[in-house]
Amino acid sequence: MPADGPAGLLGLADRAAALVPEGGRAILGIVGAPGSGKSTLAEQLLATLRSRHGDDWVAHVPMDGYHLADAQLRRLGSLDRKGAPDTFDADGYAHLLGRIRSAPDQWIYVPGFERELEQPLAAALVVPPAARLIVTEGNYLLLDTPSWCAARGKLDEVWYVAVDPAVRQDRLVARHIEFGKTPDAARDWALTVDEPNAALIDEGAARADLVVENGPSGWRLVEN
């Protein structure tokens, strides 16, 4: 089936829009291992929905904005594990999602993440009152621990992005090189840091509402 057909991007955009109740607001979570393409899917959904409904109808809240800054990771002795579940402010993220749901008439500023700096940026993004759908993506939306379960409880649906592991690992190595690591350091980080995190993330796939395959021909919807 074509990538932009009923089971591709356009079909996914239809399903995302259908989450929004009459006169209300919905929050969609997109989860996947590092390098799976979850951020790309979120960006494409945002662009498609904005072209249909207007820029303020949909808002973006990346979980990466809740990375602990390097200063905190050094304090905790966790800088060499950056990206692991405990290197995020999961409670703060869950609180934000609750506020987005409970205060729809407010302008709510949310943190973003700067890839070149590899640091969160306070108030880089905003959820306007007009936003009917909020798209949030991140690694641990289906992790079975209290703080991450609290975040999951604020989401209407969670979609899991699946991709060939070899493709995902190649993407990760290339990404780490792009942002300053040597090829050897990039491969080492992908294997020793990213892969254990990926295994944790994969354990939650069965709890997703939808599996989206990221393949050579594009996105393919798979009911979970």
Protein backbone atom coordinates (compact mmCIF):
# COMPACT_ATOMS: atom_id res chain seq x y z
CA MET A 1 0.00 0.00 0.00
CA PRO A 2 1.45 3.45 -0.85
CA ALA A 3 3.10 5.29 2.00
CA ASP A 4 0.64 8.17 1.65
CA GLY A 5 -2.45 5.94 1.39
CA PRO A 6 -4.92 4.85 4.08
CA ALA A 7 -2.22 2.99 6.01
CA GLY A 8 0.46 5.62 5.39
CA LEU A 9 1.07 9.18 6.52
CA LEU A 10 -2.30 10.54 5.40
CA GLY A 11 -4.13 7.72 7.14
CA LEU A 12 -2.11 8.32 10.29
CA ALA A 13 -2.98 12.01 10.14
CA ASP A 14 -6.66 11.08 9.83
CA ARG A 15 -6.41 8.84 12.89
CA ALA A 16 -4.59 11.50 14.89
CA ALA A 17 -7.20 14.14 14.07
CA ALA A 18 -10.00 11.73 14.99
CA LEU A 19 -8.67 11.59 18.57
CA VAL A 20 -9.85 15.16 19.16
CA PRO A 21 -13.26 15.26 20.86
CA GLU A 22 -15.88 17.81 19.86
CA GLY A 23 -14.87 21.09 21.47
CA GLY A 24 -11.99 19.43 23.32
CA ARG A 25 -8.31 18.56 23.13
CA ALA A 26 -6.33 15.33 22.73
CA ILE A 27 -2.72 14.37 23.33
CA LEU A 28 -1.00 11.83 21.07
CA GLY A 29 2.23 10.15 22.14
CA ILE A 30 4.74 8.68 19.70
CA VAL A 31 7.35 6.33 21.14
CA GLY A 32 10.25 4.39 19.72
CA ALA A 33 13.87 3.49 20.28
CA PRO A 34 16.61 6.00 19.46
CA GLY A 35 16.92 6.24 15.68
CA SER A 36 13.52 4.67 14.98
CA GLY A 37 12.17 7.77 13.25
CA LYS A 38 9.67 8.88 15.89
CA SER A 39 10.72 12.54 15.63
CA THR A 40 10.45 12.39 11.84
CA LEU A 41 6.95 10.93 12.09
CA ALA A 42 5.95 13.63 14.59
CA GLU A 43 7.29 16.36 12.30
CA GLN A 44 5.48 14.96 9.26
CA LEU A 45 2.22 14.61 11.17
CA LEU A 46 2.53 18.19 12.42
CA ALA A 47 3.15 19.50 8.91
CA THR A 48 0.23 17.51 7.45
CA LEU A 49 -2.22 18.54 10.17
CA ARG A 50 -1.16 22.18 10.00
CA SER A 51 -1.75 22.22 6.27
CA ARG A 52 -5.27 20.88 6.88
CA HIS A 53 -6.33 22.76 10.01
CA GLY A 54 -4.00 25.75 10.46
CA ASP A 55 -0.79 26.29 12.37
CA ASP A 56 -2.28 26.64 15.85
CA TRP A 57 -4.61 23.62 15.62
CA VAL A 58 -1.78 21.24 16.53
CA ALA A 59 1.16 21.77 18.90
CA HIS A 60 4.44 19.96 19.52
CA VAL A 61 5.74 18.92 22.95
CA PRO A 62 8.93 16.84 22.63
CA MET A 63 9.87 14.70 25.61
CA ASP A 64 13.51 15.59 24.89
CA GLY A 65 12.85 18.98 26.48
CA TYR A 66 12.86 17.10 29.78
CA HIS A 67 16.42 15.83 29.42
CA LEU A 68 18.36 16.74 32.53
CA ALA A 69 20.99 19.32 31.62
CA ASP A 70 24.62 18.21 31.61
CA ALA A 71 25.23 20.14 34.84
CA GLN A 72 22.73 17.91 36.63
CA LEU A 73 24.00 14.75 34.97
CA ARG A 74 27.53 15.55 36.17
CA ARG A 75 26.20 16.08 39.69
CA LEU A 76 24.46 12.70 39.52
CA GLY A 77 27.40 10.95 37.89
CA SER A 78 25.20 10.02 34.92
CA LEU A 79 26.67 12.01 32.04
CA ASP A 80 28.01 8.85 30.42
CA ARG A 81 24.46 7.39 30.51
CA LYS A 82 22.69 10.38 28.97
CA GLY A 83 19.45 9.20 27.40
CA ALA A 84 18.67 6.51 30.00
CA PRO A 85 15.24 6.74 31.68
CA ASP A 86 16.58 8.29 34.90
CA THR A 87 18.35 11.08 32.97
CA PHE A 88 14.98 12.73 32.26
CA ASP A 89 12.67 14.69 34.54
CA ALA A 90 9.79 12.26 34.10
CA ASP A 91 7.72 13.80 36.90
CA GLY A 92 8.05 17.27 35.38
CA TYR A 93 7.04 15.90 31.99
CA ALA A 94 3.96 14.19 33.46
CA HIS A 95 3.02 17.40 35.27
CA LEU A 96 3.28 19.38 32.03
CA LEU A 97 1.01 16.92 30.20
CA GLY A 98 -1.51 17.21 33.01
CA ARG A 99 -1.45 21.00 32.79
CA ILE A 100 -1.93 20.89 29.02
CA ARG A 101 -5.01 18.75 29.57
CA SER A 102 -6.47 20.65 32.53
CA ALA A 103 -5.76 24.24 31.43
CA PRO A 104 -6.78 24.43 27.75
CA ASP A 105 -7.38 28.20 27.89
CA GLN A 106 -3.78 29.05 28.84
CA TRP A 107 -0.71 29.70 26.74
CA ILE A 108 1.62 26.99 28.06
CA TYR A 109 5.34 27.34 27.38
CA VAL A 110 7.28 24.10 27.10
CA PRO A 111 10.96 23.24 26.77
CA GLY A 112 12.57 22.18 23.53
CA PHE A 113 15.88 20.46 22.83
CA GLU A 114 18.84 21.83 20.89
CA ARG A 115 20.60 19.01 19.04
CA GLU A 116 23.84 20.89 18.42
CA LEU A 117 24.17 21.81 22.09
CA GLU A 118 22.62 18.52 23.23
CA GLN A 119 20.80 20.53 25.90
CA PRO A 120 17.17 21.35 26.78
CA LEU A 121 15.99 24.92 26.12
CA ALA A 122 13.45 26.44 28.47
CA ALA A 123 10.24 27.85 26.96
CA ALA A 124 11.38 27.16 23.41
CA LEU A 125 7.89 26.05 22.34
CA VAL A 126 4.34 26.97 23.23
CA VAL A 127 0.95 25.27 23.33
CA PRO A 128 -1.64 27.92 22.38
CA PRO A 129 -5.24 27.80 23.61
CA ALA A 130 -6.32 27.11 20.03
CA ALA A 131 -4.42 23.80 19.94
CA ARG A 132 -6.82 20.89 19.67
CA LEU A 133 -4.19 18.16 19.24
CA ILE A 134 -0.83 17.97 20.99
CA VAL A 135 1.81 15.64 19.58
CA THR A 136 4.52 14.51 21.99
CA GLU A 137 7.25 12.04 21.17
CA GLY A 138 9.95 10.33 23.20
CA ASN A 139 11.60 7.12 24.24
CA TYR A 140 9.88 6.11 27.45
CA LEU A 141 6.16 6.83 27.11
CA LEU A 142 5.39 3.13 27.64
CA LEU A 143 7.94 2.35 30.34
CA ASP A 144 6.29 0.53 33.24
CA THR A 145 7.50 2.67 36.15
CA PRO A 146 5.39 5.05 38.28
CA SER A 147 6.61 8.34 36.84
CA TRP A 148 6.41 7.24 33.21
CA CYS A 149 3.04 5.58 33.82
CA ALA A 150 1.82 8.91 35.17
CA ALA A 151 2.82 10.53 31.88
CA ARG A 152 1.16 7.74 29.88
CA GLY A 153 -2.04 8.32 31.81
CA LYS A 154 -2.31 11.82 30.32
CA LEU A 155 -2.16 10.55 26.71
CA ASP A 156 -5.14 9.54 24.59
CA GLU A 157 -3.11 7.15 22.44
CA VAL A 158 0.50 6.05 22.14
CA TRP A 159 1.94 4.89 18.81
CA TYR A 160 5.06 2.75 18.69
CA VAL A 161 7.46 3.24 15.76
CA ALA A 162 9.16 0.04 14.61
CA VAL A 163 12.15 -0.10 12.26
CA ASP A 164 14.78 -2.60 11.18
CA PRO A 165 17.39 -2.70 14.00
CA ALA A 166 20.35 -2.53 11.63
CA VAL A 167 18.94 0.56 9.93
CA ARG A 168 18.28 2.16 13.30
CA GLN A 169 21.82 1.49 14.54
CA ASP A 170 23.36 2.90 11.35
CA ARG A 171 21.28 6.06 11.79
CA LEU A 172 22.44 6.42 15.38
CA VAL A 173 26.11 6.10 14.52
CA ALA A 174 25.72 8.67 11.74
CA ARG A 175 23.86 11.03 14.10
CA HIS A 176 26.53 10.78 16.80
CA ILE A 177 29.25 11.50 14.23
CA GLU A 178 27.28 14.48 12.89
CA PHE A 179 27.13 15.98 16.36
CA GLY A 180 30.82 15.64 17.14
CA LYS A 181 31.76 12.09 18.14
CA THR A 182 34.53 10.20 16.38
CA PRO A 183 33.39 7.14 14.40
CA ASP A 184 34.74 4.79 17.07
CA ALA A 185 33.14 6.76 19.90
CA ALA A 186 29.87 6.94 17.96
CA ARG A 187 29.74 3.16 17.48
CA ASP A 188 30.67 2.56 21.12
CA TRP A 189 27.93 4.90 22.38
CA ALA A 190 25.33 3.34 20.07
CA LEU A 191 26.16 -0.15 21.34
CA THR A 192 26.76 0.49 25.04
CA VAL A 193 24.27 3.30 25.79
CA ASP A 194 21.63 3.40 23.06
CA GLU A 195 21.09 -0.35 22.72
CA PRO A 196 20.27 -1.09 26.39
CA ASN A 197 17.79 1.82 26.25
CA ALA A 198 16.32 0.42 23.04
CA ALA A 199 15.75 -2.93 24.72
CA LEU A 200 13.81 -1.21 27.53
CA ILE A 201 11.72 0.71 25.04
CA ASP A 202 10.94 -2.40 22.99
CA GLU A 203 9.50 -4.09 26.09
CA GLY A 204 6.63 -1.59 26.00
CA ALA A 205 5.70 -2.14 22.35
CA ALA A 206 2.87 -4.53 23.24
CA ARG A 207 1.23 -1.77 25.31
CA ALA A 208 1.02 0.63 22.37
CA ASP A 209 -2.34 1.47 20.78
CA LEU A 210 -0.81 1.30 17.33
CA VAL A 211 2.41 0.09 15.74
CA VAL A 212 3.74 2.15 12.84
CA GLU A 213 6.40 0.49 10.71
CA ASN A 214 9.08 2.79 9.33
CA GLY A 215 10.19 1.03 6.16
CA PRO A 216 11.85 1.83 2.82
CA SER A 217 8.52 2.82 1.25
CA GLY A 218 7.42 5.02 4.16
CA TRP A 219 5.05 4.59 7.08
CA ARG A 220 2.79 1.55 7.41
CA LEU A 221 0.09 1.27 10.05
CA VAL A 222 -0.11 -2.02 11.96
CA GLU A 223 -2.89 -2.54 14.51
CA ASN A 224 -1.40 -3.76 17.80
